[in-house]
Amino acid sequence: MNMEYRVRLEKLKQILGEGNAVFFGGAGVSTESGIPDFRSTDGLYNQRYAYPPEQMVSHTFFYRNTEEFYRFYKEKMLFPNAEPNACHLALSKLEEEGLLRAVVTQNIDGLHQKAGSKSVYELHGSVWRNFCTKCQKKHSMYEVMESDGIPYCTCGGLIKPDVVLYEEALDDNVVMGAIRAIANANTLIVGGTSLVVYPAAGLLRYFHGKHLVVINRTPTTADAHADLLFTEDIGRVFADVLKL
């Protein structure tokens, strides 16, 4: 461990020690768990599918091309065996110690909860929750995965994942909870996101606290305002800071 990196880690540990921190994360948090970053695809999906991924996970496509939606969704967006990595586990531990107030995530994989985090705002929903569009009955991810083609409820209604598709609005209650957490935080840690997905990335404007920390492999729009910046792997940073 080089000295400059250690100095930044010690500063992060000091900041975390002040408590009342909120973590805002994106796809980069889960890549170390083997879940690919959806937005970094380089055309691989297009070689196998007749439509671009962004179109296939839209509200319009879901209802107009439901069978093709589910073919893509089941193959490329469901990772039931993925396990939390060092970042997820560290955030859970920090919450347990009373230092982390909440996790605000753009991810839909449920790994924060699997790691033990309790206060999690899932801006884009979760693949673990599904519901019937006709009777509203809840269905598990496994029911969706094991269905032959399009999953249907026992009432005959179409089952839809409880995820926010393109063209759909974020859940107001989730957004308001996330805003309150960010607005009241002493420290905001932004990790695993380049802050290019809106409206989620726009929530950062509600932060008026003391410390802004950014942990991301590539540049973000928040870098210039950060008190502390890490370009190392996010799992490594959290694992190392807990060892200090």
C-alpha atoms as a PDB file:
ATOM      1  CA  MET A   1       0.000   0.000   0.000  1.00  0.00           C
ATOM      2  CA  ASN A   2       1.599   3.268  -1.082  1.00  0.00           C
ATOM      3  CA  MET A   3       1.687   6.206   1.298  1.00  0.00           C
ATOM      4  CA  GLU A   4      -0.534   8.530  -0.729  1.00  0.00           C
ATOM      5  CA  TYR A   5      -3.301   5.898  -0.902  1.00  0.00           C
ATOM      6  CA  ARG A   6      -2.955   5.214   2.830  1.00  0.00           C
ATOM      7  CA  VAL A   7      -3.321   8.924   3.624  1.00  0.00           C
ATOM      8  CA  ARG A   8      -6.591   9.028   1.667  1.00  0.00           C
ATOM      9  CA  LEU A   9      -7.799   5.884   3.443  1.00  0.00           C
ATOM     10  CA  GLU A  10      -7.029   7.379   6.844  1.00  0.00           C
ATOM     11  CA  LYS A  11      -8.928  10.521   5.877  1.00  0.00           C
ATOM     12  CA  LEU A  12     -11.895   8.385   4.802  1.00  0.00           C
ATOM     13  CA  LYS A  13     -11.809   6.473   8.088  1.00  0.00           C
ATOM     14  CA  GLN A  14     -11.797   9.772   9.973  1.00  0.00           C
ATOM     15  CA  ILE A  15     -14.768  11.049   7.954  1.00  0.00           C
ATOM     16  CA  LEU A  16     -16.714   7.819   8.477  1.00  0.00           C
ATOM     17  CA  GLY A  17     -16.015   8.071  12.185  1.00  0.00           C
ATOM     18  CA  GLU A  18     -18.031  11.289  12.319  1.00  0.00           C
ATOM     19  CA  GLY A  19     -21.159   9.272  11.500  1.00  0.00           C
ATOM     20  CA  ASN A  20     -24.332  10.284   9.662  1.00  0.00           C
ATOM     21  CA  ALA A  21     -23.033   9.164   6.267  1.00  0.00           C
ATOM     22  CA  VAL A  22     -25.123   8.181   3.253  1.00  0.00           C
ATOM     23  CA  PHE A  23     -23.888   6.043   0.371  1.00  0.00           C
ATOM     24  CA  PHE A  24     -25.108   6.703  -3.178  1.00  0.00           C
ATOM     25  CA  GLY A  25     -24.148   3.886  -5.544  1.00  0.00           C
ATOM     26  CA  GLY A  26     -24.474   2.580  -9.068  1.00  0.00           C
ATOM     27  CA  ALA A  27     -23.604  -0.400 -11.245  1.00  0.00           C
ATOM     28  CA  GLY A  28     -19.905  -0.290 -10.369  1.00  0.00           C
ATOM     29  CA  VAL A  29     -20.771  -1.473  -6.865  1.00  0.00           C
ATOM     30  CA  SER A  30     -22.013  -4.809  -8.199  1.00  0.00           C
ATOM     31  CA  THR A  31     -19.511  -5.520 -10.977  1.00  0.00           C
ATOM     32  CA  GLU A  32     -17.188  -7.121  -8.417  1.00  0.00           C
ATOM     33  CA  SER A  33     -20.025  -9.551  -7.688  1.00  0.00           C
ATOM     34  CA  GLY A  34     -20.049 -10.636 -11.319  1.00  0.00           C
ATOM     35  CA  ILE A  35     -22.966  -8.477 -12.449  1.00  0.00           C
ATOM     36  CA  PRO A  36     -22.001  -6.604 -15.639  1.00  0.00           C
ATOM     37  CA  ASP A  37     -22.391  -2.857 -15.956  1.00  0.00           C
ATOM     38  CA  PHE A  38     -25.419  -2.498 -18.207  1.00  0.00           C
ATOM     39  CA  ARG A  39     -24.335   0.848 -19.662  1.00  0.00           C
ATOM     40  CA  SER A  40     -20.813  -0.259 -20.568  1.00  0.00           C
ATOM     41  CA  THR A  41     -21.963  -2.824 -23.112  1.00  0.00           C
ATOM     42  CA  ASP A  42     -20.034  -2.636 -26.351  1.00  0.00           C
ATOM     43  CA  GLY A  43     -22.520  -4.089 -28.795  1.00  0.00           C
ATOM     44  CA  LEU A  44     -22.350  -7.681 -27.542  1.00  0.00           C
ATOM     45  CA  TYR A  45     -26.050  -7.694 -26.781  1.00  0.00           C
ATOM     46  CA  ASN A  46     -26.814  -6.307 -30.211  1.00  0.00           C
ATOM     47  CA  GLN A  47     -25.095  -9.266 -31.838  1.00  0.00           C
ATOM     48  CA  ARG A  48     -27.722 -11.530 -30.333  1.00  0.00           C
ATOM     49  CA  TYR A  49     -30.767  -9.321 -30.052  1.00  0.00           C
ATOM     50  CA  ALA A  50     -32.642  -7.440 -32.729  1.00  0.00           C
ATOM     51  CA  TYR A  51     -32.974  -4.321 -30.570  1.00  0.00           C
ATOM     52  CA  PRO A  52     -30.611  -2.210 -28.430  1.00  0.00           C
ATOM     53  CA  PRO A  53     -30.742  -2.983 -24.671  1.00  0.00           C
ATOM     54  CA  GLU A  54     -32.110   0.456 -23.752  1.00  0.00           C
ATOM     55  CA  GLN A  55     -35.081  -0.109 -26.033  1.00  0.00           C
ATOM     56  CA  MET A  56     -35.753  -3.615 -24.743  1.00  0.00           C
ATOM     57  CA  VAL A  57     -36.008  -2.459 -21.131  1.00  0.00           C
ATOM     58  CA  SER A  58     -38.473   0.313 -21.892  1.00  0.00           C
ATOM     59  CA  HIS A  59     -42.130   0.504 -20.840  1.00  0.00           C
ATOM     60  CA  THR A  60     -43.313   0.516 -24.446  1.00  0.00           C
ATOM     61  CA  PHE A  61     -41.217  -2.503 -25.410  1.00  0.00           C
ATOM     62  CA  PHE A  62     -42.381  -4.480 -22.370  1.00  0.00           C
ATOM     63  CA  TYR A  63     -46.010  -4.263 -23.461  1.00  0.00           C
ATOM     64  CA  ARG A  64     -45.491  -4.419 -27.237  1.00  0.00           C
ATOM     65  CA  ASN A  65     -42.768  -7.088 -27.375  1.00  0.00           C
ATOM     66  CA  THR A  66     -43.230  -8.903 -24.072  1.00  0.00           C
ATOM     67  CA  GLU A  67     -41.758 -12.214 -25.201  1.00  0.00           C
ATOM     68  CA  GLU A  68     -38.560 -10.582 -26.492  1.00  0.00           C
ATOM     69  CA  PHE A  69     -38.366  -8.448 -23.337  1.00  0.00           C
ATOM     70  CA  TYR A  70     -38.411 -11.530 -21.138  1.00  0.00           C
ATOM     71  CA  ARG A  71     -35.902 -13.380 -23.292  1.00  0.00           C
ATOM     72  CA  PHE A  72     -33.427 -10.549 -22.766  1.00  0.00           C
ATOM     73  CA  TYR A  73     -34.413  -9.923 -19.143  1.00  0.00           C
ATOM     74  CA  LYS A  74     -33.991 -13.543 -18.033  1.00  0.00           C
ATOM     75  CA  GLU A  75     -30.657 -13.985 -19.819  1.00  0.00           C
ATOM     76  CA  LYS A  76     -28.999 -10.661 -19.065  1.00  0.00           C
ATOM     77  CA  MET A  77     -30.518  -9.071 -15.972  1.00  0.00           C
ATOM     78  CA  LEU A  78     -31.126 -11.859 -13.452  1.00  0.00           C
ATOM     79  CA  PHE A  79     -28.234 -13.076 -11.277  1.00  0.00           C
ATOM     80  CA  PRO A  80     -29.837 -15.046  -8.426  1.00  0.00           C
ATOM     81  CA  ASN A  81     -26.539 -16.588  -7.316  1.00  0.00           C
ATOM     82  CA  ALA A  82     -24.580 -13.326  -7.100  1.00  0.00           C
ATOM     83  CA  GLU A  83     -23.097 -12.684  -3.667  1.00  0.00           C
ATOM     84  CA  PRO A  84     -22.349  -9.375  -1.910  1.00  0.00           C
ATOM     85  CA  ASN A  85     -18.778  -8.164  -2.293  1.00  0.00           C
ATOM     86  CA  ALA A  86     -16.482  -6.238   0.054  1.00  0.00           C
ATOM     87  CA  CYS A  87     -18.311  -2.955  -0.616  1.00  0.00           C
ATOM     88  CA  HIS A  88     -21.762  -4.330   0.201  1.00  0.00           C
ATOM     89  CA  LEU A  89     -20.455  -6.031   3.345  1.00  0.00           C
ATOM     90  CA  ALA A  90     -18.595  -2.937   4.540  1.00  0.00           C
ATOM     91  CA  LEU A  91     -21.667  -0.716   4.110  1.00  0.00           C
ATOM     92  CA  SER A  92     -23.745  -3.189   6.097  1.00  0.00           C
ATOM     93  CA  LYS A  93     -21.133  -3.181   8.875  1.00  0.00           C
ATOM     94  CA  LEU A  94     -21.000   0.630   8.937  1.00  0.00           C
ATOM     95  CA  GLU A  95     -24.792   0.777   9.256  1.00  0.00           C
ATOM     96  CA  GLU A  96     -24.682  -1.771  12.081  1.00  0.00           C
ATOM     97  CA  GLU A  97     -22.099   0.402  13.854  1.00  0.00           C
ATOM     98  CA  GLY A  98     -24.376   3.435  13.516  1.00  0.00           C
ATOM     99  CA  LEU A  99     -22.037   5.310  11.168  1.00  0.00           C
ATOM    100  CA  LEU A 100     -24.045   4.936   7.948  1.00  0.00           C
ATOM    101  CA  ARG A 101     -27.574   6.311   7.803  1.00  0.00           C
ATOM    102  CA  ALA A 102     -28.711   4.832   4.480  1.00  0.00           C
ATOM    103  CA  VAL A 103     -27.806   3.361   1.102  1.00  0.00           C
ATOM    104  CA  VAL A 104     -29.330   4.937  -1.993  1.00  0.00           C
ATOM    105  CA  THR A 105     -28.808   2.626  -4.944  1.00  0.00           C
ATOM    106  CA  GLN A 106     -29.514   2.627  -8.657  1.00  0.00           C
ATOM    107  CA  ASN A 107     -29.009  -1.146  -8.733  1.00  0.00           C
ATOM    108  CA  ILE A 108     -31.835  -3.657  -8.895  1.00  0.00           C
ATOM    109  CA  ASP A 109     -29.954  -6.768  -7.710  1.00  0.00           C
ATOM    110  CA  GLY A 110     -30.826  -6.682  -3.992  1.00  0.00           C
ATOM    111  CA  LEU A 111     -27.220  -7.298  -2.934  1.00  0.00           C
ATOM    112  CA  HIS A 112     -27.218  -4.555  -0.296  1.00  0.00           C
ATOM    113  CA  GLN A 113     -30.048  -6.295   1.542  1.00  0.00           C
ATOM    114  CA  LYS A 114     -28.397  -9.667   1.019  1.00  0.00           C
ATOM    115  CA  ALA A 115     -25.310  -8.243   2.741  1.00  0.00           C
ATOM    116  CA  GLY A 116     -27.453  -7.165   5.694  1.00  0.00           C
ATOM    117  CA  SER A 117     -28.179  -3.489   5.009  1.00  0.00           C
ATOM    118  CA  LYS A 118     -31.560  -2.436   6.377  1.00  0.00           C
ATOM    119  CA  SER A 119     -31.999   1.179   5.242  1.00  0.00           C
ATOM    120  CA  VAL A 120     -31.858   0.873   1.448  1.00  0.00           C
ATOM    121  CA  TYR A 121     -33.590   3.107  -1.089  1.00  0.00           C
ATOM    122  CA  GLU A 122     -33.817   1.240  -4.400  1.00  0.00           C
ATOM    123  CA  LEU A 123     -34.383   4.016  -6.911  1.00  0.00           C
ATOM    124  CA  HIS A 124     -34.892   1.647  -9.820  1.00  0.00           C
ATOM    125  CA  GLY A 125     -36.711  -1.131  -7.985  1.00  0.00           C
ATOM    126  CA  SER A 126     -35.658  -4.760  -7.577  1.00  0.00           C
ATOM    127  CA  VAL A 127     -35.646  -7.923  -9.683  1.00  0.00           C
ATOM    128  CA  TRP A 128     -36.606  -9.824  -6.533  1.00  0.00           C
ATOM    129  CA  ARG A 129     -40.073  -8.265  -6.552  1.00  0.00           C
ATOM    130  CA  ASN A 130     -42.636  -8.933  -9.262  1.00  0.00           C
ATOM    131  CA  PHE A 131     -46.354  -8.337  -9.462  1.00  0.00           C
ATOM    132  CA  CYS A 132     -49.380  -9.216 -11.555  1.00  0.00           C
ATOM    133  CA  THR A 133     -50.511  -6.285 -13.683  1.00  0.00           C
ATOM    134  CA  LYS A 134     -54.106  -7.486 -13.318  1.00  0.00           C
ATOM    135  CA  CYS A 135     -54.665  -8.522  -9.676  1.00  0.00           C
ATOM    136  CA  GLN A 136     -51.442  -7.087  -8.146  1.00  0.00           C
ATOM    137  CA  LYS A 137     -50.478 -10.440  -6.581  1.00  0.00           C
ATOM    138  CA  LYS A 138     -46.776 -10.610  -5.713  1.00  0.00           C
ATOM    139  CA  HIS A 139     -44.511 -13.134  -7.406  1.00  0.00           C
ATOM    140  CA  SER A 140     -40.920 -14.216  -6.781  1.00  0.00           C
ATOM    141  CA  MET A 141     -37.988 -13.842  -9.136  1.00  0.00           C
ATOM    142  CA  TYR A 142     -37.778 -17.632  -9.326  1.00  0.00           C
ATOM    143  CA  GLU A 143     -41.332 -17.835 -10.666  1.00  0.00           C
ATOM    144  CA  VAL A 144     -40.318 -15.456 -13.430  1.00  0.00           C
ATOM    145  CA  MET A 145     -37.093 -17.336 -14.168  1.00  0.00           C
ATOM    146  CA  GLU A 146     -38.765 -20.744 -14.286  1.00  0.00           C
ATOM    147  CA  SER A 147     -41.665 -19.641 -16.462  1.00  0.00           C
ATOM    148  CA  ASP A 148     -41.777 -20.848 -20.049  1.00  0.00           C
ATOM    149  CA  GLY A 149     -41.533 -17.621 -22.007  1.00  0.00           C
ATOM    150  CA  ILE A 150     -43.829 -14.927 -20.671  1.00  0.00           C
ATOM    151  CA  PRO A 151     -44.758 -15.360 -16.966  1.00  0.00           C
ATOM    152  CA  TYR A 152     -48.450 -15.181 -16.146  1.00  0.00           C
ATOM    153  CA  CYS A 153     -50.290 -15.055 -12.831  1.00  0.00           C
ATOM    154  CA  THR A 154     -52.828 -17.716 -11.834  1.00  0.00           C
ATOM    155  CA  CYS A 155     -55.497 -15.103 -12.611  1.00  0.00           C
ATOM    156  CA  GLY A 156     -54.222 -14.905 -16.176  1.00  0.00           C
ATOM    157  CA  GLY A 157     -52.647 -11.481 -15.770  1.00  0.00           C
ATOM    158  CA  LEU A 158     -49.204 -10.550 -17.070  1.00  0.00           C
ATOM    159  CA  ILE A 159     -46.443 -10.539 -14.448  1.00  0.00           C
ATOM    160  CA  LYS A 160     -44.155  -7.496 -14.485  1.00  0.00           C
ATOM    161  CA  PRO A 161     -40.874  -7.024 -12.623  1.00  0.00           C
ATOM    162  CA  ASP A 162     -40.964  -4.285 -10.001  1.00  0.00           C
ATOM    163  CA  VAL A 163     -38.175  -2.416 -11.744  1.00  0.00           C
ATOM    164  CA  VAL A 164     -38.288   1.060 -13.228  1.00  0.00           C
ATOM    165  CA  LEU A 165     -38.135   0.694 -16.992  1.00  0.00           C
ATOM    166  CA  TYR A 166     -37.175   3.458 -19.393  1.00  0.00           C
ATOM    167  CA  GLU A 167     -40.148   5.853 -19.843  1.00  0.00           C
ATOM    168  CA  GLU A 168     -41.378   5.077 -16.313  1.00  0.00           C
ATOM    169  CA  ALA A 169     -41.218   7.414 -13.323  1.00  0.00           C
ATOM    170  CA  LEU A 170     -39.330   6.644 -10.136  1.00  0.00           C
ATOM    171  CA  ASP A 171     -41.391   5.737  -7.079  1.00  0.00           C
ATOM    172  CA  ASP A 172     -42.240   8.973  -5.221  1.00  0.00           C
ATOM    173  CA  ASN A 173     -41.943   7.429  -1.748  1.00  0.00           C
ATOM    174  CA  VAL A 174     -38.530   5.951  -2.500  1.00  0.00           C
ATOM    175  CA  VAL A 175     -37.307   9.230  -4.000  1.00  0.00           C
ATOM    176  CA  MET A 176     -38.535  11.299  -1.051  1.00  0.00           C
ATOM    177  CA  GLY A 177     -36.885   8.914   1.410  1.00  0.00           C
ATOM    178  CA  ALA A 178     -33.614   9.125  -0.498  1.00  0.00           C
ATOM    179  CA  ILE A 179     -33.810  12.909  -0.656  1.00  0.00           C
ATOM    180  CA  ARG A 180     -34.374  13.164   3.097  1.00  0.00           C
ATOM    181  CA  ALA A 181     -31.427  10.887   3.813  1.00  0.00           C
ATOM    182  CA  ILE A 182     -29.097  12.801   1.483  1.00  0.00           C
ATOM    183  CA  ALA A 183     -30.282  16.232   2.639  1.00  0.00           C
ATOM    184  CA  ASN A 184     -29.679  15.372   6.301  1.00  0.00           C
ATOM    185  CA  ALA A 185     -26.345  13.608   5.823  1.00  0.00           C
ATOM    186  CA  ASN A 186     -23.047  14.884   7.173  1.00  0.00           C
ATOM    187  CA  THR A 187     -21.159  12.866   4.550  1.00  0.00           C
ATOM    188  CA  LEU A 188     -22.186  11.654   1.101  1.00  0.00           C
ATOM    189  CA  ILE A 189     -20.159   8.854  -0.456  1.00  0.00           C
ATOM    190  CA  VAL A 190     -20.734   8.439  -4.177  1.00  0.00           C
ATOM    191  CA  GLY A 191     -19.490   5.094  -5.437  1.00  0.00           C
ATOM    192  CA  GLY A 192     -19.563   2.926  -8.540  1.00  0.00           C
ATOM    193  CA  THR A 193     -21.415   5.437 -10.688  1.00  0.00           C
ATOM    194  CA  SER A 194     -20.409   7.990 -13.309  1.00  0.00           C
ATOM    195  CA  LEU A 195     -23.557   9.989 -12.499  1.00  0.00           C
ATOM    196  CA  VAL A 196     -24.935   9.898 -16.031  1.00  0.00           C
ATOM    197  CA  VAL A 197     -28.322   8.291 -15.280  1.00  0.00           C
ATOM    198  CA  TYR A 198     -31.045  10.820 -14.540  1.00  0.00           C
ATOM    199  CA  PRO A 199     -33.186  11.581 -12.630  1.00  0.00           C
ATOM    200  CA  ALA A 200     -31.300   9.449 -10.059  1.00  0.00           C
ATOM    201  CA  ALA A 201     -28.007  11.366 -10.377  1.00  0.00           C
ATOM    202  CA  GLY A 202     -29.871  14.619  -9.823  1.00  0.00           C
ATOM    203  CA  LEU A 203     -30.480  13.682  -6.179  1.00  0.00           C
ATOM    204  CA  LEU A 204     -26.940  14.781  -5.344  1.00  0.00           C
ATOM    205  CA  ARG A 205     -28.051  18.402  -5.523  1.00  0.00           C
ATOM    206  CA  TYR A 206     -29.872  17.909  -2.217  1.00  0.00           C
ATOM    207  CA  PHE A 207     -26.621  17.268  -0.370  1.00  0.00           C
ATOM    208  CA  HIS A 208     -25.414  20.253   1.660  1.00  0.00           C
ATOM    209  CA  GLY A 209     -23.368  18.399   4.248  1.00  0.00           C
ATOM    210  CA  LYS A 210     -19.725  18.555   5.245  1.00  0.00           C
ATOM    211  CA  HIS A 211     -17.918  15.872   3.222  1.00  0.00           C
ATOM    212  CA  LEU A 212     -18.334  14.594  -0.343  1.00  0.00           C
ATOM    213  CA  VAL A 213     -16.374  11.427  -1.157  1.00  0.00           C
ATOM    214  CA  VAL A 214     -16.225   9.926  -4.662  1.00  0.00           C
ATOM    215  CA  ILE A 215     -15.067   6.355  -5.338  1.00  0.00           C
ATOM    216  CA  ASN A 216     -15.199   5.475  -9.031  1.00  0.00           C
ATOM    217  CA  ARG A 217     -12.854   4.028 -11.620  1.00  0.00           C
ATOM    218  CA  THR A 218     -13.730   6.665 -14.225  1.00  0.00           C
ATOM    219  CA  PRO A 219     -14.319  10.436 -13.920  1.00  0.00           C
ATOM    220  CA  THR A 220     -17.656  11.714 -12.626  1.00  0.00           C
ATOM    221  CA  THR A 221     -19.375  15.083 -12.661  1.00  0.00           C
ATOM    222  CA  ALA A 222     -18.903  15.254  -8.881  1.00  0.00           C
ATOM    223  CA  ASP A 223     -15.106  14.911  -8.900  1.00  0.00           C
ATOM    224  CA  ALA A 224     -14.442  18.655  -8.886  1.00  0.00           C
ATOM    225  CA  HIS A 225     -16.524  19.086  -5.727  1.00  0.00           C
ATOM    226  CA  ALA A 226     -15.176  16.055  -3.852  1.00  0.00           C
ATOM    227  CA  ASP A 227     -13.184  16.418  -0.646  1.00  0.00           C
ATOM    228  CA  LEU A 228     -11.772  12.961  -1.217  1.00  0.00           C
ATOM    229  CA  LEU A 229     -11.408  11.053  -4.495  1.00  0.00           C
ATOM    230  CA  PHE A 230     -10.598   7.387  -5.109  1.00  0.00           C
ATOM    231  CA  THR A 231     -10.149   5.771  -8.535  1.00  0.00           C
ATOM    232  CA  GLU A 232      -9.271   2.376  -7.044  1.00  0.00           C
ATOM    233  CA  ASP A 233     -11.740  -0.534  -7.049  1.00  0.00           C
ATOM    234  CA  ILE A 234     -14.551   0.245  -4.654  1.00  0.00           C
ATOM    235  CA  GLY A 235     -14.417  -3.138  -2.930  1.00  0.00           C
ATOM    236  CA  ARG A 236     -10.719  -2.685  -2.259  1.00  0.00           C
ATOM    237  CA  VAL A 237     -11.213   0.804  -0.814  1.00  0.00           C
ATOM    238  CA  PHE A 238     -13.873  -0.325   1.649  1.00  0.00           C
ATOM    239  CA  ALA A 239     -12.008  -3.488   2.599  1.00  0.00           C
ATOM    240  CA  ASP A 240      -8.818  -1.497   3.208  1.00  0.00           C
ATOM    241  CA  VAL A 241     -10.463   1.274   5.223  1.00  0.00           C
ATOM    242  CA  LEU A 242     -12.045  -1.262   7.593  1.00  0.00           C
ATOM    243  CA  LYS A 243      -8.620  -2.790   8.225  1.00  0.00           C
ATOM    244  CA  LEU A 244      -7.184   0.484   9.547  1.00  0.00           C
END
